Protein backbone atom coordinates (compact mmCIF):
# COMPACT_ATOMS: atom_id res chain seq x y z
CA MET A 1 -80.48 -110.92 -71.72
CA SER A 2 -83.26 -111.62 -69.61
CA PRO A 3 -86.64 -110.45 -69.39
CA THR A 4 -85.78 -109.00 -65.87
CA ARG A 5 -82.43 -108.07 -65.82
CA ILE A 6 -84.29 -106.02 -69.13
CA PHE A 7 -86.68 -104.64 -67.28
CA LEU A 8 -84.24 -103.46 -64.43
CA THR A 9 -82.16 -101.89 -66.34
CA SER A 10 -83.99 -99.65 -68.17
CA LEU A 11 -85.47 -98.79 -64.64
CA LEU A 12 -81.89 -97.78 -63.72
CA ALA A 13 -80.92 -96.26 -66.77
CA MET A 14 -84.14 -94.13 -66.52
CA VAL A 15 -83.42 -93.08 -63.21
CA ALA A 16 -80.70 -91.75 -64.70
CA PHE A 17 -81.37 -89.32 -66.41
CA ALA A 18 -84.77 -87.88 -64.37
CA GLY A 19 -81.60 -87.92 -61.77
CA ASN A 20 -79.87 -85.31 -64.06
CA SER A 21 -82.86 -82.87 -64.39
CA ILE A 22 -82.50 -83.77 -60.19
CA LEU A 23 -79.06 -82.78 -59.50
CA CYS A 24 -79.24 -79.54 -62.02
CA ARG A 25 -82.30 -77.82 -60.49
CA MET A 26 -81.04 -78.87 -56.67
CA ALA A 27 -77.16 -77.09 -57.78
CA LEU A 28 -78.40 -74.16 -59.31
CA ALA A 29 -81.54 -73.23 -57.40
CA GLY A 30 -80.25 -73.22 -54.97
CA LEU A 31 -77.16 -71.05 -56.32
CA SER A 32 -74.12 -73.09 -54.62
CA ILE A 33 -72.40 -72.98 -58.51
CA ASP A 34 -73.09 -70.68 -61.95
CA PRO A 35 -74.42 -73.08 -64.99
CA ALA A 36 -70.29 -72.71 -67.13
CA THR A 37 -68.83 -74.03 -63.91
CA PHE A 38 -71.82 -77.12 -63.45
CA THR A 39 -71.78 -77.64 -67.15
CA LEU A 40 -67.74 -77.90 -66.94
CA ILE A 41 -67.71 -79.80 -64.08
CA ARG A 42 -70.37 -82.62 -65.39
CA LEU A 43 -68.74 -82.98 -68.29
CA GLY A 44 -65.31 -83.96 -67.05
CA SER A 45 -67.21 -86.85 -64.19
CA GLY A 46 -69.24 -88.01 -67.60
CA ALA A 47 -65.89 -88.08 -70.22
CA PHE A 48 -63.59 -89.79 -66.83
CA MET A 49 -66.51 -92.26 -65.72
CA LEU A 50 -67.14 -93.08 -69.68
CA SER A 51 -63.56 -93.57 -70.32
CA LEU A 52 -62.45 -95.95 -67.84
CA LEU A 53 -65.75 -97.75 -68.90
CA VAL A 54 -64.27 -98.02 -72.21
CA PHE A 55 -60.32 -98.82 -70.85
CA ALA A 56 -62.27 -101.33 -68.71
CA ARG A 57 -64.24 -102.94 -71.62
CA ARG A 58 -61.40 -103.01 -74.39
CA ARG A 59 -57.69 -101.69 -72.62
CA THR A 60 -56.97 -98.44 -74.56
CA ALA A 61 -58.51 -95.36 -73.50
CA ARG A 62 -58.89 -94.48 -77.21
CA PRO A 63 -61.28 -92.13 -77.97
CA GLY A 64 -63.87 -92.42 -80.35
CA GLY A 65 -66.86 -89.45 -81.87
CA ASN A 66 -65.84 -86.53 -83.82
CA TRP A 67 -65.89 -82.36 -82.67
CA LEU A 68 -69.49 -82.16 -84.58
CA SER A 69 -71.66 -84.14 -82.10
CA ALA A 70 -69.32 -82.99 -79.05
CA ALA A 71 -70.18 -79.43 -80.59
CA ALA A 72 -74.02 -80.54 -80.10
CA LEU A 73 -73.55 -82.74 -76.59
CA PHE A 74 -71.71 -79.49 -75.33
CA ALA A 75 -75.40 -77.30 -76.66
CA TYR A 76 -76.94 -79.45 -74.94
CA ALA A 77 -75.54 -79.66 -71.64
CA ALA A 78 -74.53 -75.73 -71.09
CA GLY A 79 -78.28 -75.41 -72.83
CA PHE A 80 -79.62 -77.57 -70.43
CA SER A 81 -78.07 -75.98 -66.99
CA PHE A 82 -78.70 -72.17 -68.34
CA ALA A 83 -81.94 -73.39 -68.47
CA TYR A 84 -82.35 -75.11 -65.13
CA VAL A 85 -81.86 -71.64 -63.52
CA SER A 86 -84.92 -70.35 -64.16
CA LEU A 87 -86.91 -73.75 -64.64
CA ALA A 88 -88.62 -76.00 -62.25
CA THR A 89 -87.75 -79.74 -62.64
CA GLY A 90 -90.75 -81.09 -64.46
CA THR A 91 -90.84 -78.74 -67.15
CA GLY A 92 -87.50 -78.57 -67.70
CA ALA A 93 -87.54 -82.00 -68.01
CA LEU A 94 -90.67 -82.28 -70.09
CA LEU A 95 -89.83 -79.38 -72.18
CA LEU A 96 -86.88 -81.18 -72.88
CA PHE A 97 -87.77 -84.64 -73.81
CA ALA A 98 -90.85 -82.85 -76.38
CA ALA A 99 -88.29 -81.12 -78.38
CA VAL A 100 -85.60 -83.82 -78.32
CA GLN A 101 -89.06 -85.61 -79.94
CA ILE A 102 -90.20 -83.00 -82.40
CA THR A 103 -86.13 -82.51 -84.08
CA MET A 104 -86.52 -86.58 -84.06
CA MET A 105 -89.70 -86.43 -85.58
CA GLY A 106 -89.02 -83.75 -87.86
CA TRP A 107 -86.11 -85.44 -89.56
CA ALA A 108 -87.88 -88.50 -90.32
CA LEU A 109 -90.14 -85.52 -92.31
CA PHE A 110 -87.87 -84.67 -93.54
CA ARG A 111 -85.32 -87.54 -95.00
CA GLY A 112 -89.28 -88.40 -96.99
CA GLU A 113 -90.45 -90.27 -94.02
CA ARG A 114 -94.43 -91.37 -95.04
CA LEU A 115 -96.00 -91.03 -92.06
CA ALA A 116 -99.67 -92.97 -91.30
CA ALA A 117 -102.25 -91.44 -89.94
CA ARG A 118 -101.36 -92.55 -86.23
CA GLN A 119 -97.80 -91.20 -86.69
CA ALA A 120 -99.61 -88.38 -87.93
CA THR A 121 -101.78 -88.15 -84.59
CA GLY A 122 -99.05 -88.54 -82.59
CA LEU A 123 -96.61 -85.44 -83.88
CA VAL A 124 -100.05 -83.70 -83.50
CA LEU A 125 -100.30 -84.30 -79.98
CA ALA A 126 -96.73 -83.60 -78.77
CA VAL A 127 -95.91 -80.91 -80.24
CA ALA A 128 -99.88 -79.43 -78.84
CA GLY A 129 -98.58 -80.83 -75.28
CA PHE A 130 -95.78 -78.95 -76.27
CA MET A 131 -97.67 -75.84 -77.02
CA VAL A 132 -99.59 -76.48 -73.94
CA LEU A 133 -96.06 -75.89 -72.67
CA LEU A 134 -95.14 -72.49 -73.01
CA ALA A 135 -98.87 -71.34 -73.68
CA PRO A 136 -98.35 -67.42 -72.28
CA GLY A 137 -100.57 -67.80 -68.67
CA ILE A 138 -99.57 -67.82 -64.62
CA GLU A 139 -98.62 -71.06 -64.91
CA ALA A 140 -96.21 -70.27 -67.98
CA PRO A 141 -92.38 -71.30 -67.30
CA SER A 142 -90.19 -68.96 -67.77
CA PRO A 143 -88.91 -67.63 -71.75
CA LYS A 144 -85.87 -67.46 -71.38
CA GLY A 145 -85.58 -70.32 -69.80
CA ALA A 146 -87.19 -72.39 -71.82
CA VAL A 147 -85.97 -70.97 -74.77
CA LEU A 148 -82.51 -72.51 -73.82
CA MET A 149 -84.32 -75.99 -73.32
CA VAL A 150 -86.19 -75.73 -76.88
CA ILE A 151 -82.39 -75.28 -77.74
CA ALA A 152 -80.51 -78.18 -74.77
CA GLY A 153 -83.17 -80.69 -76.40
CA SER A 154 -82.95 -80.07 -79.94
CA ALA A 155 -79.23 -80.27 -79.53
CA TRP A 156 -79.54 -83.35 -78.28
CA GLY A 157 -81.64 -85.12 -81.04
CA LEU A 158 -79.10 -84.09 -83.93
CA TYR A 159 -76.78 -85.09 -81.38
CA SER A 160 -79.15 -88.63 -80.60
CA LEU A 161 -79.81 -88.79 -85.06
CA ARG A 162 -75.47 -88.16 -85.34
CA GLY A 163 -74.80 -91.33 -83.17
CA ALA A 164 -77.60 -93.71 -84.21
CA GLY A 165 -76.64 -96.81 -85.71
CA ALA A 166 -72.99 -96.15 -84.08
CA ARG A 167 -70.49 -99.51 -83.65
CA ASP A 168 -69.58 -98.26 -80.17
CA ALA A 169 -71.75 -96.13 -78.99
CA VAL A 170 -69.60 -95.57 -75.31
CA GLY A 171 -66.67 -94.90 -77.35
CA ASP A 172 -67.71 -92.29 -78.76
CA THR A 173 -70.39 -90.57 -76.12
CA ALA A 174 -66.59 -90.60 -74.33
CA GLY A 175 -64.97 -88.88 -76.71
CA ASN A 176 -67.33 -86.19 -77.70
CA PHE A 177 -67.76 -85.90 -74.17
CA LEU A 178 -64.12 -84.86 -73.96
CA ARG A 179 -64.00 -82.46 -76.97
CA ALA A 180 -67.49 -81.08 -75.62
CA GLY A 181 -65.33 -81.17 -71.44
CA ALA A 182 -62.88 -78.78 -73.71
CA LEU A 183 -65.28 -76.36 -75.48
CA ALA A 184 -66.79 -75.42 -71.62
CA MET A 185 -64.02 -74.98 -70.69
CA GLY A 186 -63.38 -72.33 -73.16
CA VAL A 187 -66.82 -70.61 -71.95
CA SER A 188 -65.75 -71.19 -68.21
CA LEU A 189 -62.57 -68.70 -69.07
CA VAL A 190 -65.24 -66.06 -70.63
CA LEU A 191 -67.25 -66.43 -67.33
CA TRP A 192 -64.41 -66.28 -65.28
CA SER A 193 -65.43 -62.87 -63.29
CA ARG A 194 -69.26 -65.26 -62.34
CA ALA A 195 -68.04 -68.21 -61.03
CA SER A 196 -68.35 -69.87 -57.97
CA ALA A 197 -69.46 -73.67 -56.80
CA GLU A 198 -69.94 -74.83 -52.81
CA PRO A 199 -69.27 -78.22 -52.09
CA LEU A 200 -72.85 -79.44 -52.67
CA GLY A 201 -73.39 -78.03 -56.06
CA ILE A 202 -69.97 -79.34 -57.52
CA ALA A 203 -70.77 -83.04 -55.88
CA CYS A 204 -74.36 -82.78 -57.08
CA ALA A 205 -71.94 -81.75 -60.99
CA VAL A 206 -69.69 -84.62 -60.07
CA VAL A 207 -72.53 -87.13 -59.66
CA SER A 208 -74.50 -85.96 -62.55
CA GLY A 209 -71.96 -86.70 -64.82
CA ALA A 210 -69.97 -89.55 -64.14
CA LEU A 211 -73.82 -91.82 -62.32
CA ALA A 212 -76.85 -89.67 -64.25
CA SER A 213 -74.50 -89.96 -67.30
CA GLY A 214 -71.86 -92.15 -67.97
CA ILE A 215 -73.49 -95.15 -66.19
CA GLY A 216 -77.04 -94.06 -67.28
CA TYR A 217 -75.68 -94.49 -70.80
CA ALA A 218 -73.55 -97.45 -70.41
CA LEU A 219 -76.80 -98.98 -69.05
CA TRP A 220 -79.57 -97.44 -71.46
CA TYR A 221 -76.47 -98.65 -74.31
CA ALA A 222 -76.37 -102.07 -73.50
CA VAL A 223 -80.56 -102.24 -72.78
CA LEU A 224 -80.50 -101.00 -77.32
CA PRO A 225 -80.48 -103.52 -79.05
CA HIS A 226 -82.17 -106.03 -76.98
CA ILE A 227 -85.33 -103.57 -76.60
CA LYS A 228 -86.71 -103.04 -79.94
CA ALA A 229 -87.04 -99.04 -81.65
CA SER A 230 -91.12 -98.96 -80.07
CA THR A 231 -90.45 -100.05 -77.26
CA ALA A 232 -87.23 -98.15 -76.56
CA ALA A 233 -89.28 -94.35 -77.35
CA THR A 234 -91.66 -95.72 -74.67
CA VAL A 235 -90.15 -96.65 -72.09
CA GLN A 236 -87.82 -93.12 -72.21
CA LEU A 237 -91.62 -91.31 -71.19
CA SER A 238 -91.17 -92.25 -67.60
CA VAL A 239 -88.03 -89.58 -67.25
CA PRO A 240 -90.02 -86.46 -67.37
CA ALA A 241 -92.69 -87.96 -65.11
CA LEU A 242 -89.83 -89.50 -62.56
CA ALA A 243 -88.18 -86.08 -63.00
CA ALA A 244 -91.18 -83.86 -62.32
CA LEU A 245 -91.47 -86.64 -59.03
CA GLY A 246 -88.88 -86.28 -57.89
CA GLY A 247 -88.99 -82.47 -58.21
CA VAL A 248 -92.13 -82.42 -55.69
CA LEU A 249 -90.52 -85.15 -53.29
CA LEU A 250 -86.98 -83.95 -52.44
CA LEU A 251 -87.38 -80.09 -53.22
CA GLY A 252 -91.11 -78.65 -52.58
CA GLU A 253 -91.82 -78.54 -56.30
CA ARG A 254 -95.68 -77.66 -56.85
CA LEU A 255 -97.46 -80.56 -60.34
CA THR A 256 -99.02 -77.83 -61.91
CA ALA A 257 -102.16 -78.48 -64.20
CA ARG A 258 -100.28 -77.16 -67.36
CA LEU A 259 -97.90 -79.61 -66.35
CA VAL A 260 -99.92 -83.01 -66.33
CA LEU A 261 -102.18 -81.71 -69.34
CA ALA A 262 -99.26 -80.75 -71.51
CA ALA A 263 -97.57 -84.56 -70.41
CA ALA A 264 -100.24 -86.49 -71.46
CA ALA A 265 -100.48 -84.59 -75.00
CA THR A 266 -96.70 -85.15 -74.90
CA PHE A 267 -96.75 -88.92 -73.84
CA ALA A 268 -99.37 -90.01 -75.61
CA GLY A 269 -98.35 -88.39 -78.82
CA VAL A 270 -95.10 -89.70 -79.12
CA ILE A 271 -96.49 -93.74 -77.92
CA LEU A 272 -98.78 -92.65 -80.99
CA PHE A 273 -96.00 -91.91 -83.21
CA SER A 274 -93.58 -94.95 -82.21
CA ALA A 275 -95.80 -97.49 -82.43
CA GLY A 276 -95.49 -96.68 -86.39
CA ASN A 277 -91.78 -96.76 -86.42
CA ARG A 278 -91.36 -100.44 -86.07
CA LYS A 279 -87.70 -100.54 -88.90
CA GLY A 280 -86.04 -102.45 -85.48
CA ARG A 281 -83.48 -99.13 -84.04
CA GLY A 282 -83.62 -96.39 -85.36
CA ALA A 283 -83.06 -92.05 -83.82
CA LEU A 284 -85.95 -92.77 -81.87
CA ASN A 285 -84.59 -95.21 -79.49
CA ALA A 286 -80.90 -93.31 -79.16
CA PRO A 287 -82.09 -91.84 -74.96
CA ALA A 288 -83.20 -88.57 -75.03
CA GLU A 289 -81.07 -87.96 -72.20
CA GLN A 290 -82.97 -84.67 -69.45
């Protein structure tokens, strides 16, 4: 794959991932759909698109994946949707990104990896940025929304860790989306009395699942073998920034000093940590979905 193609493919994937936050917030802030229905439609649309891609590639739509990974995927998708009822786009995206990266860094420590001074500094900075965003104050995010997004980010970190090094990432993701969709159906049935869905909300959920998630994953998995783990982790720093920009331009949200400071610390921390991770493809280059 040529450098130009790598750059363009990576850019499209990051725009797609950032689009998830924008689409979800657009739908839920306007109350055009409830979070349970958004989750169900998003997972169903993603499963359909990914299954099509798998079938087009190998003429069989037999899904891969497993129920434990699917449960982590569902926890991410549900937490993400319910959190965006009360979080601004940029704040939610940064909380998610920080939770994903801290989960992966924590796993590296748990499995006995020794951290160089640069990596240790990066971990401290990332956690500091996370705490700045959550600290009490007039610009603090909704506690309920923040907790749900942290759960979503931790679940996505677990999902990415379980899928690191998979031989057929797209096929496994398709199967996990199908299983997670079944779990989402159960939640939607339980919350049926609260269900609501207008055309805008349905459209946002479909685009989020089929394009921002399905096509986004396919693009990112296509480019991953051609870049270093440190490069992949650094490229993903653009996702919360793009989401915040989209929130400002498309949804009229305000860019706060707290968000900028937290983002700067978190991004610097991830750059320092990933720069020391030079073993090739690893956990930190799994897609930090938004």
